[in-house]
Amino acid sequence: MKVVVQRVSRAAVRVNGDVTGAIGKGLLLLLGVGKDDDGSEVDWLARKCCELRIFPDDEGKMSRSVEDIGGGVLVVSQFTLYGRVNRGRRPDFTHAAPPELAERLYDAFVAAIRARGVNVETGVFGAMMDVELVNDGPVTILLER
């Protein structure tokens, strides 16, 4: 599994013009699931995202987590994180999980974050989505397990 973590001052996702999820200050998480993932990665990645100290304290040092600041999390499925462009110019997505597996692990990831008491909003799995964000910093980190 791969997660692109973006610290945001706000983020929203729309499907067919309708907002399906929106947060203020917090994290936008773009989640990709690989074909070899088995779910053992879910809890580690959820914990890491929630405890990642990338928000500033009173001195401006990155020492607070999304849990510490009471921020929100917007999780968006992103199979294109597994796109490979080693050959040619068109991405090869053969390393992405099939939709059934990806959706199951996506749902488990969202549930694991919610279980920590964090406010979680989502996109719509498998839908064409418009994602809008204001990256704060900018701070963007790639997590992979």
N, C-alpha and C. Protein backbone atom coordinates (compact mmCIF):
# COMPACT_ATOMS: atom_id res chain seq x y z
N MET A 1 0.85 -1.18 0.00
CA MET A 1 0.00 0.00 0.00
C MET A 1 0.89 1.23 0.00
N LYS A 2 0.39 2.27 -0.65
CA LYS A 2 1.08 3.55 -0.70
C LYS A 2 0.11 4.63 -0.30
N VAL A 3 0.63 5.62 0.45
CA VAL A 3 -0.18 6.76 0.83
C VAL A 3 0.62 8.03 0.57
N VAL A 4 0.03 8.93 -0.21
CA VAL A 4 0.59 10.27 -0.34
C VAL A 4 -0.12 11.11 0.71
N VAL A 5 0.67 11.63 1.65
CA VAL A 5 0.16 12.43 2.76
C VAL A 5 0.39 13.89 2.44
N GLN A 6 -0.67 14.68 2.43
CA GLN A 6 -0.53 16.10 2.20
C GLN A 6 -1.15 16.86 3.37
N ARG A 7 -0.34 17.72 3.99
CA ARG A 7 -0.86 18.59 5.05
C ARG A 7 -1.62 19.71 4.36
N VAL A 8 -2.88 19.87 4.75
CA VAL A 8 -3.73 20.84 4.06
C VAL A 8 -4.38 21.81 5.05
N SER A 9 -4.68 23.01 4.54
CA SER A 9 -5.50 23.92 5.33
C SER A 9 -6.98 23.67 5.04
N ARG A 10 -7.25 23.07 3.86
CA ARG A 10 -8.60 22.58 3.53
C ARG A 10 -8.49 21.68 2.31
N ALA A 11 -9.46 20.78 2.19
CA ALA A 11 -9.52 19.88 1.04
C ALA A 11 -10.96 19.39 0.87
N ALA A 12 -11.30 19.10 -0.37
CA ALA A 12 -12.65 18.59 -0.67
C ALA A 12 -12.57 17.69 -1.89
N VAL A 13 -13.53 16.80 -1.99
CA VAL A 13 -13.64 15.92 -3.15
C VAL A 13 -15.08 15.97 -3.64
N ARG A 14 -15.20 16.04 -4.97
CA ARG A 14 -16.52 16.09 -5.60
C ARG A 14 -16.66 14.95 -6.60
N VAL A 15 -17.87 14.42 -6.67
CA VAL A 15 -18.23 13.43 -7.67
C VAL A 15 -19.48 13.97 -8.37
N ASN A 16 -19.39 14.13 -9.68
CA ASN A 16 -20.49 14.70 -10.47
C ASN A 16 -20.95 16.05 -9.91
N GLY A 17 -20.01 16.83 -9.42
CA GLY A 17 -20.32 18.16 -8.91
C GLY A 17 -20.77 18.20 -7.46
N ASP A 18 -21.04 17.05 -6.86
CA ASP A 18 -21.50 17.00 -5.47
C ASP A 18 -20.33 16.71 -4.54
N VAL A 19 -20.23 17.48 -3.46
CA VAL A 19 -19.18 17.26 -2.47
C VAL A 19 -19.49 15.97 -1.71
N THR A 20 -18.53 15.03 -1.73
CA THR A 20 -18.71 13.78 -0.99
C THR A 20 -17.89 13.77 0.29
N GLY A 21 -16.92 14.67 0.39
CA GLY A 21 -16.10 14.77 1.58
C GLY A 21 -15.36 16.09 1.59
N ALA A 22 -15.24 16.69 2.75
CA ALA A 22 -14.52 17.96 2.88
C ALA A 22 -14.00 18.10 4.29
N ILE A 23 -12.80 18.67 4.41
CA ILE A 23 -12.20 18.93 5.72
C ILE A 23 -11.59 20.32 5.73
N GLY A 24 -11.36 20.82 6.93
CA GLY A 24 -10.57 22.02 7.12
C GLY A 24 -9.12 21.58 7.32
N LYS A 25 -8.47 22.12 8.32
CA LYS A 25 -7.07 21.78 8.59
C LYS A 25 -6.93 20.30 8.90
N GLY A 26 -5.96 19.67 8.23
CA GLY A 26 -5.75 18.25 8.46
C GLY A 26 -4.90 17.61 7.38
N LEU A 27 -5.29 16.38 7.00
CA LEU A 27 -4.52 15.61 6.03
C LEU A 27 -5.40 15.14 4.89
N LEU A 28 -4.89 15.31 3.67
CA LEU A 28 -5.46 14.66 2.51
C LEU A 28 -4.59 13.43 2.27
N LEU A 29 -5.22 12.26 2.27
CA LEU A 29 -4.49 11.01 2.07
C LEU A 29 -4.95 10.37 0.76
N LEU A 30 -4.02 10.26 -0.18
CA LEU A 30 -4.28 9.57 -1.44
C LEU A 30 -3.77 8.15 -1.24
N LEU A 31 -4.67 7.17 -1.27
CA LEU A 31 -4.35 5.79 -0.93
C LEU A 31 -4.36 4.90 -2.16
N GLY A 32 -3.24 4.21 -2.39
CA GLY A 32 -3.15 3.22 -3.45
C GLY A 32 -2.93 1.84 -2.86
N VAL A 33 -3.57 0.85 -3.44
CA VAL A 33 -3.44 -0.52 -2.98
C VAL A 33 -2.81 -1.34 -4.10
N GLY A 34 -1.78 -2.11 -3.73
CA GLY A 34 -1.09 -2.94 -4.71
C GLY A 34 -1.65 -4.35 -4.77
N LYS A 35 -1.40 -5.03 -5.87
CA LYS A 35 -1.97 -6.37 -6.07
C LYS A 35 -1.45 -7.39 -5.07
N ASP A 36 -0.29 -7.16 -4.46
CA ASP A 36 0.27 -8.09 -3.49
C ASP A 36 -0.07 -7.74 -2.05
N ASP A 37 -0.82 -6.67 -1.83
CA ASP A 37 -1.19 -6.28 -0.47
C ASP A 37 -2.20 -7.25 0.10
N ASP A 38 -2.06 -7.55 1.40
CA ASP A 38 -2.94 -8.53 2.02
C ASP A 38 -3.69 -8.00 3.24
N GLY A 39 -3.55 -6.72 3.52
CA GLY A 39 -4.24 -6.13 4.66
C GLY A 39 -3.36 -5.97 5.88
N SER A 40 -2.22 -6.64 5.93
CA SER A 40 -1.33 -6.51 7.09
C SER A 40 -0.74 -5.11 7.18
N GLU A 41 -0.83 -4.35 6.11
CA GLU A 41 -0.27 -2.99 6.07
C GLU A 41 -1.22 -1.94 6.64
N VAL A 42 -2.49 -2.27 6.71
CA VAL A 42 -3.53 -1.29 7.02
C VAL A 42 -3.31 -0.59 8.35
N ASP A 43 -3.17 -1.35 9.43
CA ASP A 43 -3.06 -0.73 10.75
C ASP A 43 -1.79 0.09 10.89
N TRP A 44 -0.68 -0.41 10.34
CA TRP A 44 0.58 0.34 10.41
C TRP A 44 0.46 1.67 9.69
N LEU A 45 -0.08 1.66 8.48
CA LEU A 45 -0.22 2.89 7.72
C LEU A 45 -1.21 3.86 8.37
N ALA A 46 -2.31 3.35 8.88
CA ALA A 46 -3.29 4.22 9.54
C ALA A 46 -2.67 4.88 10.78
N ARG A 47 -1.97 4.08 11.57
CA ARG A 47 -1.30 4.63 12.76
C ARG A 47 -0.26 5.66 12.37
N LYS A 48 0.55 5.33 11.38
CA LYS A 48 1.61 6.24 10.94
C LYS A 48 1.02 7.57 10.47
N CYS A 49 -0.05 7.52 9.67
CA CYS A 49 -0.69 8.75 9.20
C CYS A 49 -1.23 9.59 10.36
N CYS A 50 -1.87 8.94 11.31
CA CYS A 50 -2.47 9.67 12.43
C CYS A 50 -1.44 10.23 13.40
N GLU A 51 -0.30 9.57 13.51
CA GLU A 51 0.73 10.00 14.48
C GLU A 51 1.87 10.79 13.84
N LEU A 52 1.84 10.94 12.52
CA LEU A 52 2.90 11.66 11.82
C LEU A 52 2.95 13.11 12.30
N ARG A 53 4.09 13.51 12.83
CA ARG A 53 4.22 14.84 13.43
C ARG A 53 4.68 15.84 12.36
N ILE A 54 3.70 16.38 11.64
CA ILE A 54 4.01 17.32 10.56
C ILE A 54 3.28 18.65 10.69
N PHE A 55 2.61 18.85 11.83
CA PHE A 55 1.94 20.12 12.09
C PHE A 55 2.79 20.94 13.07
N PRO A 56 2.83 22.24 12.88
CA PRO A 56 3.71 23.07 13.71
C PRO A 56 3.19 23.26 15.14
N ASP A 57 4.15 23.35 16.06
CA ASP A 57 3.83 23.71 17.43
C ASP A 57 3.90 25.23 17.55
N ASP A 58 3.86 25.75 18.76
CA ASP A 58 3.87 27.20 18.97
C ASP A 58 5.17 27.85 18.52
N GLU A 59 6.23 27.07 18.39
CA GLU A 59 7.52 27.60 17.95
C GLU A 59 7.74 27.38 16.45
N GLY A 60 6.75 26.82 15.78
CA GLY A 60 6.87 26.59 14.34
C GLY A 60 7.55 25.30 13.96
N LYS A 61 7.91 24.47 14.93
CA LYS A 61 8.54 23.18 14.64
C LYS A 61 7.47 22.14 14.36
N MET A 62 7.75 21.25 13.41
CA MET A 62 6.80 20.18 13.10
C MET A 62 6.87 19.14 14.21
N SER A 63 5.95 19.24 15.17
CA SER A 63 5.97 18.31 16.29
C SER A 63 4.58 17.85 16.72
N ARG A 64 3.57 18.20 15.95
CA ARG A 64 2.22 17.79 16.29
C ARG A 64 1.62 16.91 15.18
N SER A 65 0.76 16.01 15.59
CA SER A 65 0.09 15.12 14.64
C SER A 65 -1.31 15.64 14.35
N VAL A 66 -1.98 15.03 13.39
CA VAL A 66 -3.36 15.40 13.09
C VAL A 66 -4.24 15.11 14.31
N GLU A 67 -3.91 14.07 15.08
CA GLU A 67 -4.65 13.79 16.31
C GLU A 67 -4.43 14.90 17.33
N ASP A 68 -3.18 15.37 17.44
CA ASP A 68 -2.87 16.42 18.42
C ASP A 68 -3.63 17.72 18.15
N ILE A 69 -3.82 18.05 16.87
CA ILE A 69 -4.46 19.32 16.54
C ILE A 69 -5.97 19.19 16.37
N GLY A 70 -6.49 17.96 16.45
CA GLY A 70 -7.92 17.74 16.25
C GLY A 70 -8.34 17.98 14.81
N GLY A 71 -7.43 17.71 13.87
CA GLY A 71 -7.71 17.94 12.46
C GLY A 71 -8.51 16.82 11.83
N GLY A 72 -8.91 17.05 10.60
CA GLY A 72 -9.66 16.06 9.85
C GLY A 72 -8.77 15.32 8.87
N VAL A 73 -9.30 14.24 8.33
CA VAL A 73 -8.61 13.44 7.33
C VAL A 73 -9.58 13.19 6.18
N LEU A 74 -9.10 13.45 4.97
CA LEU A 74 -9.85 13.14 3.77
C LEU A 74 -9.10 12.05 3.03
N VAL A 75 -9.72 10.87 2.86
CA VAL A 75 -9.09 9.74 2.21
C VAL A 75 -9.70 9.56 0.82
N VAL A 76 -8.82 9.52 -0.19
CA VAL A 76 -9.24 9.37 -1.57
C VAL A 76 -8.51 8.17 -2.18
N SER A 77 -9.25 7.25 -2.78
CA SER A 77 -8.62 6.10 -3.43
C SER A 77 -7.87 6.59 -4.67
N GLN A 78 -6.69 6.00 -4.90
CA GLN A 78 -5.81 6.51 -5.96
C GLN A 78 -5.00 5.35 -6.55
N PHE A 79 -5.65 4.53 -7.38
CA PHE A 79 -4.95 3.38 -7.96
C PHE A 79 -3.77 3.81 -8.84
N THR A 80 -3.80 5.04 -9.34
CA THR A 80 -2.73 5.49 -10.23
C THR A 80 -1.39 5.63 -9.52
N LEU A 81 -1.37 5.54 -8.18
CA LEU A 81 -0.09 5.52 -7.47
C LEU A 81 0.74 4.30 -7.87
N TYR A 82 0.07 3.29 -8.41
CA TYR A 82 0.78 2.09 -8.85
C TYR A 82 1.06 2.09 -10.36
N GLY A 83 0.86 3.23 -11.00
CA GLY A 83 1.18 3.34 -12.41
C GLY A 83 2.70 3.34 -12.62
N ARG A 84 3.16 2.48 -13.51
CA ARG A 84 4.59 2.40 -13.81
C ARG A 84 4.82 2.92 -15.22
N VAL A 85 5.86 3.70 -15.37
CA VAL A 85 6.18 4.27 -16.68
C VAL A 85 7.62 3.96 -17.07
N ASN A 86 8.12 2.81 -16.66
CA ASN A 86 9.48 2.40 -17.00
C ASN A 86 9.66 2.23 -18.50
N ARG A 87 8.62 1.76 -19.15
CA ARG A 87 8.67 1.53 -20.59
C ARG A 87 7.54 2.31 -21.25
N GLY A 88 7.84 2.95 -22.32
CA GLY A 88 6.81 3.68 -23.05
C GLY A 88 6.37 4.94 -22.33
N ARG A 89 5.25 5.47 -22.79
CA ARG A 89 4.75 6.73 -22.23
C ARG A 89 3.39 6.58 -21.55
N ARG A 90 2.76 5.43 -21.74
CA ARG A 90 1.47 5.19 -21.11
C ARG A 90 1.70 4.39 -19.83
N PRO A 91 1.13 4.84 -18.70
CA PRO A 91 1.32 4.10 -17.44
C PRO A 91 0.78 2.68 -17.52
N ASP A 92 1.48 1.78 -16.87
CA ASP A 92 1.10 0.38 -16.74
C ASP A 92 0.59 0.18 -15.31
N PHE A 93 -0.65 -0.24 -15.17
CA PHE A 93 -1.26 -0.37 -13.84
C PHE A 93 -1.37 -1.82 -13.38
N THR A 94 -0.57 -2.71 -13.93
CA THR A 94 -0.66 -4.12 -13.57
C THR A 94 -0.28 -4.39 -12.12
N HIS A 95 0.41 -3.46 -11.46
CA HIS A 95 0.78 -3.65 -10.06
C HIS A 95 -0.29 -3.15 -9.08
N ALA A 96 -1.33 -2.48 -9.62
CA ALA A 96 -2.44 -2.03 -8.79
C ALA A 96 -3.33 -3.24 -8.45
N ALA A 97 -3.95 -3.19 -7.29
CA ALA A 97 -4.84 -4.26 -6.86
C ALA A 97 -6.11 -4.27 -7.70
N PRO A 98 -6.72 -5.44 -7.89
CA PRO A 98 -8.03 -5.48 -8.53
C PRO A 98 -9.04 -4.74 -7.65
N PRO A 99 -10.09 -4.19 -8.26
CA PRO A 99 -11.04 -3.36 -7.50
C PRO A 99 -11.59 -4.00 -6.23
N GLU A 100 -11.88 -5.29 -6.25
CA GLU A 100 -12.48 -5.94 -5.07
C GLU A 100 -11.53 -5.88 -3.87
N LEU A 101 -10.27 -6.21 -4.11
CA LEU A 101 -9.26 -6.16 -3.04
C LEU A 101 -8.99 -4.73 -2.62
N ALA A 102 -8.84 -3.85 -3.59
CA ALA A 102 -8.53 -2.45 -3.29
C ALA A 102 -9.63 -1.81 -2.44
N GLU A 103 -10.88 -2.06 -2.80
CA GLU A 103 -11.98 -1.46 -2.04
C GLU A 103 -12.03 -2.00 -0.61
N ARG A 104 -11.80 -3.29 -0.47
CA ARG A 104 -11.82 -3.90 0.88
C ARG A 104 -10.73 -3.28 1.76
N LEU A 105 -9.52 -3.11 1.22
CA LEU A 105 -8.42 -2.54 2.01
C LEU A 105 -8.59 -1.04 2.21
N TYR A 106 -9.16 -0.36 1.24
CA TYR A 106 -9.49 1.06 1.38
C TYR A 106 -10.48 1.24 2.54
N ASP A 107 -11.53 0.45 2.55
CA ASP A 107 -12.53 0.54 3.63
C ASP A 107 -11.90 0.21 4.98
N ALA A 108 -11.02 -0.78 5.03
CA ALA A 108 -10.34 -1.15 6.28
C ALA A 108 -9.44 -0.01 6.76
N PHE A 109 -8.76 0.66 5.85
CA PHE A 109 -7.89 1.79 6.19
C PHE A 109 -8.71 2.94 6.78
N VAL A 110 -9.82 3.27 6.13
CA VAL A 110 -10.71 4.33 6.64
C VAL A 110 -11.22 3.96 8.02
N ALA A 111 -11.64 2.72 8.21
CA ALA A 111 -12.16 2.25 9.50
C ALA A 111 -11.07 2.32 10.58
N ALA A 112 -9.83 1.99 10.22
CA ALA A 112 -8.74 2.02 11.20
C ALA A 112 -8.46 3.45 11.67
N ILE A 113 -8.58 4.41 10.78
CA ILE A 113 -8.38 5.81 11.18
C ILE A 113 -9.56 6.27 12.03
N ARG A 114 -10.77 5.93 11.62
CA ARG A 114 -11.96 6.31 12.42
C ARG A 114 -11.90 5.72 13.81
N ALA A 115 -11.39 4.49 13.93
CA ALA A 115 -11.30 3.83 15.24
C ALA A 115 -10.40 4.59 16.19
N ARG A 116 -9.52 5.42 15.67
CA ARG A 116 -8.64 6.25 16.50
C ARG A 116 -9.34 7.53 16.96
N GLY A 117 -10.58 7.74 16.53
CA GLY A 117 -11.32 8.92 16.94
C GLY A 117 -11.09 10.13 16.06
N VAL A 118 -10.46 9.94 14.91
CA VAL A 118 -10.20 11.04 13.99
C VAL A 118 -11.40 11.20 13.05
N ASN A 119 -11.79 12.45 12.78
CA ASN A 119 -12.86 12.71 11.82
C ASN A 119 -12.36 12.39 10.42
N VAL A 120 -13.03 11.46 9.74
CA VAL A 120 -12.62 11.02 8.41
C VAL A 120 -13.74 11.28 7.41
N GLU A 121 -13.36 11.91 6.31
CA GLU A 121 -14.24 12.09 5.16
C GLU A 121 -13.63 11.29 4.01
N THR A 122 -14.44 10.97 3.01
CA THR A 122 -13.93 10.15 1.91
C THR A 122 -14.46 10.63 0.57
N GLY A 123 -13.79 10.14 -0.46
CA GLY A 123 -14.30 10.25 -1.81
C GLY A 123 -15.23 9.07 -2.04
N VAL A 124 -15.43 8.71 -3.30
CA VAL A 124 -16.24 7.55 -3.66
C VAL A 124 -15.33 6.58 -4.39
N PHE A 125 -15.16 5.41 -3.83
CA PHE A 125 -14.24 4.44 -4.41
C PHE A 125 -14.60 4.16 -5.86
N GLY A 126 -13.61 4.23 -6.73
CA GLY A 126 -13.78 3.89 -8.14
C GLY A 126 -14.40 4.96 -9.00
N ALA A 127 -14.82 6.06 -8.40
CA ALA A 127 -15.48 7.12 -9.17
C ALA A 127 -14.45 8.09 -9.75
N MET A 128 -14.83 8.80 -10.78
CA MET A 128 -14.04 9.92 -11.27
C MET A 128 -14.30 11.07 -10.29
N MET A 129 -13.23 11.58 -9.70
CA MET A 129 -13.37 12.59 -8.65
C MET A 129 -12.58 13.83 -8.99
N ASP A 130 -13.09 14.96 -8.53
CA ASP A 130 -12.36 16.22 -8.57
C ASP A 130 -11.89 16.48 -7.13
N VAL A 131 -10.58 16.54 -6.96
CA VAL A 131 -10.02 16.76 -5.63
C VAL A 131 -9.44 18.17 -5.59
N GLU A 132 -9.87 18.91 -4.60
CA GLU A 132 -9.42 20.29 -4.43
C GLU A 132 -8.72 20.39 -3.09
N LEU A 133 -7.54 21.02 -3.07
CA LEU A 133 -6.83 21.14 -1.80
C LEU A 133 -5.98 22.40 -1.78
N VAL A 134 -5.71 22.84 -0.56
CA VAL A 134 -4.72 23.87 -0.33
C VAL A 134 -3.65 23.21 0.51
N ASN A 135 -2.52 22.89 -0.13
CA ASN A 135 -1.41 22.21 0.54
C ASN A 135 -0.74 23.24 1.44
N ASP A 136 -0.68 22.95 2.72
CA ASP A 136 -0.14 23.85 3.72
C ASP A 136 1.34 23.59 3.89
N GLY A 137 2.16 24.52 3.46
CA GLY A 137 3.60 24.37 3.63
C GLY A 137 4.39 24.71 2.38
N PRO A 138 4.37 23.95 1.36
CA PRO A 138 3.69 22.66 1.19
C PRO A 138 4.40 21.54 1.93
N VAL A 139 3.62 20.63 2.45
CA VAL A 139 4.15 19.43 3.08
C VAL A 139 3.50 18.24 2.41
N THR A 140 4.31 17.40 1.77
CA THR A 140 3.84 16.20 1.09
C THR A 140 4.84 15.08 1.40
N ILE A 141 4.32 13.95 1.87
CA ILE A 141 5.17 12.81 2.26
C ILE A 141 4.59 11.55 1.66
N LEU A 142 5.46 10.66 1.17
CA LEU A 142 5.03 9.37 0.64
C LEU A 142 5.33 8.29 1.66
N LEU A 143 4.31 7.54 2.03
CA LEU A 143 4.46 6.39 2.92
C LEU A 143 4.17 5.12 2.12
N GLU A 144 4.98 4.11 2.36
CA GLU A 144 4.78 2.87 1.65
C GLU A 144 5.11 1.71 2.57
N ARG A 145 4.31 0.66 2.48
CA ARG A 145 4.57 -0.53 3.30
C ARG A 145 4.22 -1.75 2.51
